[in-house]
Protein backbone atom coordinates (compact mmCIF):
# COMPACT_ATOMS: atom_id res chain seq x y z
CA MET A 1 29.53 -5.67 2.06
CA LYS A 2 27.50 -5.74 5.27
CA THR A 3 24.58 -3.97 3.61
CA ILE A 4 24.60 -6.33 0.64
CA SER A 5 24.65 -9.33 3.00
CA ARG A 6 21.87 -7.83 5.09
CA THR A 7 19.70 -7.26 2.03
CA SER A 8 20.45 -10.73 0.71
CA GLY A 9 19.58 -12.12 4.14
CA GLY A 10 16.19 -10.42 4.13
CA LEU A 11 15.39 -11.80 0.70
CA ALA A 12 16.70 -15.25 1.66
CA ARG A 13 14.42 -15.33 4.69
CA LEU A 14 11.47 -14.35 2.52
CA LEU A 15 12.35 -17.12 0.06
CA THR A 16 12.47 -19.53 3.00
CA LEU A 17 8.93 -18.54 3.97
CA LEU A 18 7.72 -18.90 0.40
CA GLY A 19 9.53 -22.22 0.07
CA GLY A 20 7.43 -23.66 2.87
CA GLU A 21 4.24 -22.50 1.17
CA VAL A 22 5.34 -23.98 -2.16
CA THR A 23 6.14 -27.28 -0.46
CA ASP A 24 2.69 -27.41 1.17
CA THR A 25 1.08 -26.59 -2.18
CA VAL A 26 2.96 -29.35 -4.01
CA GLN A 27 2.08 -31.84 -1.29
CA GLU A 28 -1.61 -30.93 -1.50
CA MET A 29 -1.54 -31.33 -5.29
CA HIS A 30 0.23 -34.66 -4.89
CA GLY A 31 -2.52 -35.73 -2.52
CA ALA A 32 -5.24 -34.60 -4.91
CA ILE A 33 -3.75 -36.29 -7.95
CA ALA A 34 -2.45 -39.51 -6.41
CA HIS A 35 -4.54 -42.64 -6.15
CA PRO A 36 -6.37 -42.74 -2.80
CA LEU A 37 -4.45 -45.86 -1.72
CA ASP A 38 -1.14 -44.06 -2.40
CA ARG A 39 -1.93 -40.93 -0.41
CA GLY A 40 -0.13 -40.34 2.86
CA ARG A 41 2.39 -43.18 2.47
CA LEU A 42 5.44 -42.68 4.66
CA PRO A 43 8.06 -42.16 1.93
CA ALA A 44 6.24 -39.20 0.34
CA ALA A 45 5.33 -37.62 3.69
CA LEU A 46 8.89 -38.06 4.90
CA VAL A 47 10.29 -36.36 1.79
CA TYR A 48 8.04 -33.36 2.26
CA ASP A 49 8.90 -33.11 5.96
CA MET A 50 12.59 -33.18 5.10
CA ILE A 51 12.11 -30.38 2.55
CA ARG A 52 10.32 -28.26 5.16
CA TYR A 53 13.08 -28.97 7.66
CA GLY A 54 15.67 -27.83 5.15
CA PHE A 55 13.82 -24.57 4.57
CA ARG A 56 13.55 -23.97 8.33
CA GLN A 57 17.25 -24.57 8.87
CA ALA A 58 18.11 -22.23 5.99
CA GLY A 59 15.96 -19.59 7.66
CA ASN A 60 17.70 -20.12 10.98
CA ALA A 61 21.11 -19.76 9.33
CA VAL A 62 20.04 -16.52 7.66
CA HIS A 63 18.75 -15.20 10.98
CA LEU A 64 22.07 -15.92 12.68
CA ALA A 65 23.92 -14.17 9.88
CA GLN A 66 21.66 -11.15 10.24
CA GLN A 67 22.32 -10.99 13.97
CA ALA A 68 26.05 -11.07 13.33
CA LEU A 69 25.94 -8.28 10.75
CA ARG A 70 23.56 -5.81 12.44
CA ASP A 71 23.92 -3.08 9.82
CA GLU A 72 21.08 -0.62 10.34
CA THR A 73 21.50 1.43 7.16
CA ALA A 74 20.28 0.53 3.70
CA PRO A 75 21.75 2.32 0.66
CA ALA A 76 19.55 3.93 -1.95
CA GLU A 77 20.21 1.16 -4.49
CA HIS A 78 18.46 -1.38 -2.22
CA ALA A 79 15.57 0.82 -1.05
CA ASP A 80 13.41 0.24 -4.12
CA LEU A 81 13.85 -3.54 -3.95
CA GLN A 82 12.94 -3.56 -0.26
CA SER A 83 9.85 -1.44 -0.96
CA ILE A 84 8.70 -3.80 -3.70
CA VAL A 85 9.18 -6.89 -1.53
CA ASN A 86 7.26 -5.19 1.30
CA GLY A 87 4.43 -4.31 -1.06
CA VAL A 88 4.02 -7.87 -2.33
CA PHE A 89 4.77 -9.87 0.85
CA GLY A 90 4.82 -7.27 3.61
CA GLN A 91 2.40 -9.03 5.93
CA LEU A 92 4.60 -12.15 5.95
CA LEU A 93 7.63 -10.09 6.91
CA ALA A 94 5.78 -8.19 9.63
CA ALA A 95 4.22 -11.36 11.08
CA ARG A 96 7.69 -12.82 11.61
CA ASP A 97 9.27 -9.58 12.88
CA SER A 98 11.68 -9.54 9.97
CA HIS A 99 14.13 -6.64 9.87
CA TYR A 100 13.26 -6.40 6.18
CA ALA A 101 9.74 -5.15 7.03
CA LEU A 102 9.72 -1.38 6.70
CA PRO A 103 8.70 0.54 9.83
CA MET A 104 6.50 3.60 9.45
CA SER A 105 8.42 6.84 9.79
CA LEU A 106 8.30 10.54 8.93
CA LEU A 107 11.19 11.66 6.76
CA PRO A 108 13.59 13.32 7.02
CA GLY A 109 12.38 13.57 10.62
CA PRO A 110 9.70 15.09 12.85
CA PRO A 111 8.06 18.22 11.43
CA SER A 112 9.44 21.62 12.29
CA LEU A 113 7.15 24.06 14.11
CA GLU A 114 8.80 27.09 12.52
CA ARG A 115 6.03 27.24 9.91
CA GLY A 116 2.29 27.09 10.34
CA THR A 117 1.52 24.23 7.92
CA LEU A 118 2.75 20.67 7.46
CA VAL A 119 2.30 19.05 4.04
CA LEU A 120 2.64 15.28 4.45
CA MET A 121 3.14 13.27 1.24
CA VAL A 122 2.26 9.56 1.31
CA HIS A 123 3.51 7.16 -1.39
CA GLY A 124 1.66 4.24 -2.93
CA LEU A 125 2.04 0.46 -3.23
CA CYS A 126 5.59 -0.90 -3.59
CA LEU A 127 7.03 2.63 -3.59
CA ASN A 128 8.88 4.73 -1.03
CA GLU A 129 9.54 8.38 -0.28
CA THR A 130 11.88 8.73 -3.26
CA CYS A 131 8.87 8.77 -5.61
CA TRP A 132 8.53 12.44 -4.64
CA ASP A 133 12.12 13.17 -5.69
CA ASN A 134 11.44 14.76 -9.06
CA PRO A 135 11.52 18.33 -10.42
CA ALA A 136 7.74 18.84 -10.41
CA ALA A 137 7.32 17.72 -6.79
CA GLU A 138 10.37 19.71 -5.72
CA ALA A 139 8.94 22.84 -7.39
CA PHE A 140 5.71 22.28 -5.46
CA ARG A 141 7.61 22.03 -2.19
CA ARG A 142 9.46 25.25 -2.93
CA TRP A 143 6.15 26.96 -3.74
CA ALA A 144 4.43 25.65 -0.60
CA GLY A 145 7.04 27.22 1.68
CA PRO A 146 6.10 30.88 1.18
CA ALA A 147 2.63 30.37 -0.35
CA LEU A 148 1.26 28.19 2.47
CA ASP A 149 3.81 28.94 5.19
CA ALA A 150 4.53 25.23 4.91
CA HIS A 151 7.24 22.66 5.21
CA THR A 152 6.90 19.15 3.79
CA ARG A 153 7.56 15.68 5.10
CA THR A 154 7.20 12.28 3.45
CA LEU A 155 5.98 9.01 4.93
CA ARG A 156 7.70 5.64 4.59
CA TYR A 157 5.70 2.51 5.42
CA ASN A 158 5.18 -1.17 4.66
CA THR A 159 2.62 -1.12 1.86
CA GLY A 160 1.97 -4.87 2.19
CA LEU A 161 0.04 -4.41 5.43
CA HIS A 162 -3.69 -3.77 5.48
CA ILE A 163 -4.52 -0.19 4.55
CA SER A 164 -6.52 0.02 7.77
CA GLU A 165 -3.45 -1.07 9.75
CA ASN A 166 -1.26 1.55 8.10
CA GLY A 167 -4.03 4.10 8.62
CA ARG A 168 -4.15 3.29 12.32
CA ASP A 169 -0.37 3.48 12.58
CA LEU A 170 -0.36 6.84 10.81
CA ALA A 171 -3.06 8.12 13.16
CA ASP A 172 -0.97 6.91 16.12
CA LEU A 173 2.16 8.55 14.70
CA LEU A 174 0.48 11.92 14.15
CA ALA A 175 -1.17 11.76 17.58
CA ALA A 176 2.27 11.35 19.16
CA THR A 177 3.93 14.10 17.06
CA ALA A 178 4.07 17.83 17.74
CA LEU A 179 2.27 19.38 14.76
CA PRO A 180 1.84 22.93 13.47
CA GLU A 181 -1.55 24.62 13.33
CA ARG A 182 -2.51 23.13 9.96
CA VAL A 183 -1.91 19.77 8.28
CA VAL A 184 -2.36 18.96 4.59
CA LEU A 185 -2.32 15.28 3.54
CA VAL A 186 -1.35 14.35 -0.03
CA GLY A 187 -1.42 10.66 -1.02
CA HIS A 188 -0.69 8.93 -4.31
CA SER A 189 -2.62 5.74 -5.15
CA MET A 190 -2.70 3.55 -2.01
CA GLY A 191 -1.25 6.50 -0.11
CA GLY A 192 -4.49 8.42 -0.55
CA LEU A 193 -6.43 5.53 0.98
CA VAL A 194 -3.99 5.31 3.89
CA ALA A 195 -4.46 9.04 4.52
CA ARG A 196 -8.26 8.65 4.40
CA SER A 197 -8.03 5.69 6.77
CA ALA A 198 -5.89 7.63 9.26
CA LEU A 199 -8.28 10.58 9.19
CA HIS A 200 -11.34 8.36 9.64
CA GLN A 201 -9.84 6.35 12.50
CA GLY A 202 -8.41 9.42 14.19
CA ARG A 203 -11.79 11.16 14.00
CA ALA A 204 -13.56 8.10 15.41
CA ARG A 205 -11.13 8.01 18.35
CA GLY A 206 -11.46 11.72 19.01
CA ASP A 207 -7.79 12.46 18.28
CA ALA A 208 -6.88 16.14 18.53
CA TRP A 209 -4.62 16.06 15.44
CA VAL A 210 -7.52 15.54 13.03
CA ASP A 211 -8.86 19.01 13.84
CA ARG A 212 -5.64 20.41 12.37
CA VAL A 213 -6.23 18.71 9.00
CA SER A 214 -7.66 21.21 6.53
CA HIS A 215 -7.08 19.43 3.18
CA LEU A 216 -6.65 15.85 1.94
CA ALA A 217 -5.68 15.13 -1.68
CA CYS A 218 -5.86 11.68 -3.29
CA LEU A 219 -3.91 11.34 -6.54
CA GLY A 220 -5.02 8.36 -8.61
CA SER A 221 -6.38 6.50 -5.56
CA PRO A 222 -8.70 3.50 -6.23
CA HIS A 223 -11.59 4.51 -3.95
CA GLN A 224 -13.89 2.04 -5.71
CA GLY A 225 -11.18 -0.56 -6.18
CA ALA A 226 -8.48 -1.46 -8.67
CA MET A 227 -9.47 -3.57 -11.67
CA LEU A 228 -6.13 -5.41 -11.80
CA GLU A 229 -6.58 -6.83 -8.29
CA ARG A 230 -10.17 -7.80 -9.10
CA LEU A 231 -9.02 -9.70 -12.18
CA GLY A 232 -6.25 -11.39 -10.18
CA ASN A 233 -8.72 -12.38 -7.49
CA GLN A 234 -11.16 -13.78 -10.04
CA ALA A 235 -8.39 -15.82 -11.65
CA ASN A 236 -7.45 -17.17 -8.23
CA ARG A 237 -11.08 -18.07 -7.50
CA LEU A 238 -11.18 -20.12 -10.72
CA LEU A 239 -8.37 -22.29 -9.33
CA GLY A 240 -10.79 -23.49 -6.67
CA LEU A 241 -13.14 -25.11 -9.18
CA THR A 242 -11.29 -28.45 -9.23
CA PRO A 243 -9.52 -30.40 -6.46
CA TYR A 244 -6.40 -30.58 -8.66
CA SER A 245 -5.92 -26.83 -9.04
CA ARG A 246 -7.34 -25.82 -5.64
CA PRO A 247 -3.97 -26.11 -3.83
CA LEU A 248 -2.59 -23.39 -6.13
CA MET A 249 -4.95 -20.91 -4.48
CA ARG A 250 -2.56 -21.00 -1.52
CA LEU A 251 0.12 -19.33 -3.64
CA GLY A 252 -2.28 -16.75 -5.04
CA ASN A 253 -3.35 -15.83 -1.52
CA LEU A 254 0.25 -15.07 -0.56
CA ARG A 255 -0.12 -11.63 -2.16
CA SER A 256 -0.14 -9.01 0.52
CA ASP A 257 -3.07 -7.77 2.57
CA GLY A 258 -2.45 -4.31 1.15
CA ILE A 259 -2.86 -5.55 -2.41
CA ARG A 260 -6.08 -7.36 -1.52
CA ASP A 261 -7.46 -4.18 0.09
CA LEU A 262 -7.05 -2.44 -3.27
CA ARG A 263 -9.67 -4.79 -4.77
CA PHE A 264 -12.45 -2.56 -3.37
CA GLY A 265 -10.51 0.32 -1.85
CA TYR A 266 -10.95 -0.81 1.74
CA VAL A 267 -9.79 1.74 4.33
CA ILE A 268 -11.08 0.36 7.65
CA GLU A 269 -10.95 -3.04 9.31
CA ASP A 270 -14.72 -3.52 9.40
CA GLN A 271 -14.71 -3.72 5.60
CA TRP A 272 -12.52 -6.84 5.42
CA ARG A 273 -12.65 -8.50 8.84
CA ASP A 274 -14.50 -11.84 8.96
CA ARG A 275 -14.85 -11.87 5.18
CA PRO A 276 -13.31 -14.45 2.80
CA LEU A 277 -9.94 -13.66 1.24
CA ASP A 278 -11.42 -14.05 -2.24
CA GLU A 279 -14.52 -11.91 -1.57
CA ALA A 280 -16.09 -10.98 -4.91
CA HIS A 281 -18.31 -8.09 -3.77
CA PRO A 282 -17.51 -4.94 -1.76
CA SER A 283 -18.76 -4.45 1.77
CA LEU A 284 -19.87 -1.30 3.59
CA LYS A 285 -19.08 2.24 2.40
CA VAL A 286 -16.98 4.57 4.55
CA PRO A 287 -18.30 8.16 4.57
CA LEU A 288 -16.06 11.08 3.72
CA ASP A 289 -14.93 13.37 6.51
CA ASP A 290 -17.27 16.37 6.32
CA ARG A 291 -14.85 18.74 8.08
CA VAL A 292 -11.93 18.39 5.67
CA ARG A 293 -11.72 19.68 2.09
CA GLN A 294 -10.80 16.83 -0.23
CA LEU A 295 -9.50 16.52 -3.77
CA PHE A 296 -9.78 13.36 -5.85
CA LEU A 297 -7.59 13.57 -8.96
CA ALA A 298 -7.77 11.02 -11.79
CA GLY A 299 -5.51 10.40 -14.74
CA SER A 300 -6.62 9.12 -18.13
CA LEU A 301 -4.68 7.84 -21.10
CA SER A 302 -7.38 9.21 -23.41
CA ASP A 303 -7.16 12.48 -25.32
CA GLU A 304 -8.97 15.46 -23.92
CA GLY A 305 -12.60 15.55 -24.99
CA SER A 306 -12.97 11.78 -25.09
CA GLY A 307 -16.55 10.77 -24.39
CA ALA A 308 -15.56 7.75 -22.34
CA PRO A 309 -12.04 8.31 -20.98
CA VAL A 310 -10.11 5.22 -19.97
CA GLY A 311 -8.12 5.04 -16.76
CA ASP A 312 -4.44 5.58 -16.07
CA TRP A 313 -3.36 1.93 -16.68
CA LEU A 314 -4.04 0.86 -13.08
CA VAL A 315 -7.05 2.84 -11.82
CA ARG A 316 -10.28 3.60 -13.68
CA VAL A 317 -11.44 7.19 -13.87
CA ASP A 318 -14.70 6.52 -12.01
CA SER A 319 -12.77 4.78 -9.20
CA ALA A 320 -10.21 7.57 -8.80
CA LEU A 321 -13.03 10.14 -8.74
CA ALA A 322 -15.29 7.95 -6.53
CA GLU A 323 -18.26 8.90 -8.69
CA ARG A 324 -20.44 6.04 -7.47
CA LEU A 325 -19.48 6.18 -3.80
CA TYR A 326 -19.82 9.93 -3.25
CA PRO A 327 -21.89 11.41 -6.08
CA ASP A 328 -22.94 14.56 -4.20
CA ALA A 329 -20.21 15.18 -1.60
CA ALA A 330 -20.19 18.90 -0.84
CA ASN A 331 -16.60 19.06 0.41
CA LEU A 332 -15.11 17.08 -2.49
CA SER A 333 -13.44 18.51 -5.60
CA ARG A 334 -12.76 16.27 -8.60
CA ARG A 335 -10.22 16.80 -11.37
CA LEU A 336 -9.42 14.72 -14.45
CA LEU A 337 -6.12 15.06 -16.32
CA TYR A 338 -5.88 13.57 -19.81
CA ARG A 339 -2.93 11.76 -21.37
CA LEU A 340 -1.56 10.96 -17.94
CA GLY A 341 -0.52 7.55 -16.61
CA HIS A 342 -0.61 6.32 -13.04
CA MET A 343 3.09 6.71 -12.27
CA ALA A 344 3.62 9.69 -14.56
CA MET A 345 1.15 11.55 -12.33
CA LEU A 346 3.90 11.86 -9.71
CA GLU A 347 6.18 13.75 -12.09
CA ASP A 348 3.74 15.80 -14.15
CA PRO A 349 3.60 19.54 -13.36
CA ARG A 350 -0.15 19.52 -14.05
CA THR A 351 -0.68 17.38 -10.94
CA TYR A 352 0.95 19.99 -8.73
CA ASP A 353 -0.77 22.87 -10.54
CA CYS A 354 -4.08 21.24 -9.55
CA LEU A 355 -2.88 21.00 -5.95
CA LYS A 356 -1.85 24.65 -5.91
CA GLU A 357 -5.14 25.85 -7.34
CA TRP A 358 -7.15 23.72 -4.92
CA LEU A 359 -5.12 24.70 -1.84
CA LEU A 360 -5.48 28.42 -2.62
CA ALA A 361 -9.20 28.28 -3.40
CA ARG A 362 -11.54 29.88 -0.89
């Protein structure tokens, strides 16, 4: 009962935050549509202030209930919901120090030093570490033990934060962790970009842990951006064409910083800082790390032999392979798997066969 109440409290607080944004949006639309002489009259302003006050008091009540419950464990049936909410609104939760914001952590705990290699697996947007709980991934972990002298860990994090922020936090976490001689990073979708970001920022800072990284694999990662976020951003930009629809842009911009970073595959802060939220063109390119072997794997729903293979539902083939960004990278291997969707990639044995072949190559 405590866990259910705690989960409900986290969602209620989020709804309180969104309620304030909706109220502001409706008031702006009212102001845009109303006759100029009617705008700002006391009755309407008072009504909106009362609505905001009600939302604030509801949030305060939820906070008090959370303090009274103080249950620190979340059962598996609520983990997926929490991960989704973090992915969509994670920056709002983090900005208000909500307990519902997921902290970054290595699971099931710090790496063991009994083996010479750590394989760290990083999930994508709105997911969590359980995405690696499938027979194909488990078979890979069993293979990696003797084949690579490796043990595996997974990362849990708030996917709604900027990719650069999660990359920095991952770099900080690895810098503060006792690591074996070799580290292999494997990221799915956004997770691949977070791993790239951590490696880039750690290298720039001169962190010792980056010299232990030998391989970095990105599985279906949108290095050149995700088309779905671009379309969503363009639709939101269209709302700004008239004063009547412009207030609705506020709601569109509530989507998380992490989702917006996927528009162009941003991995460092310099790519998005001081740029408009609805930026329509990508900024600077981040070079690949020339001391780490990298694998970019793409999925395609097309049949093998297709002349122009489509993407995996969410990421285009050219984006997952970064063909435009890094056409001649010497330390980069590219693989394309046909008849494979974005999420199915996590459970398909062919994905892990590619990883095995790449990790054993000399």
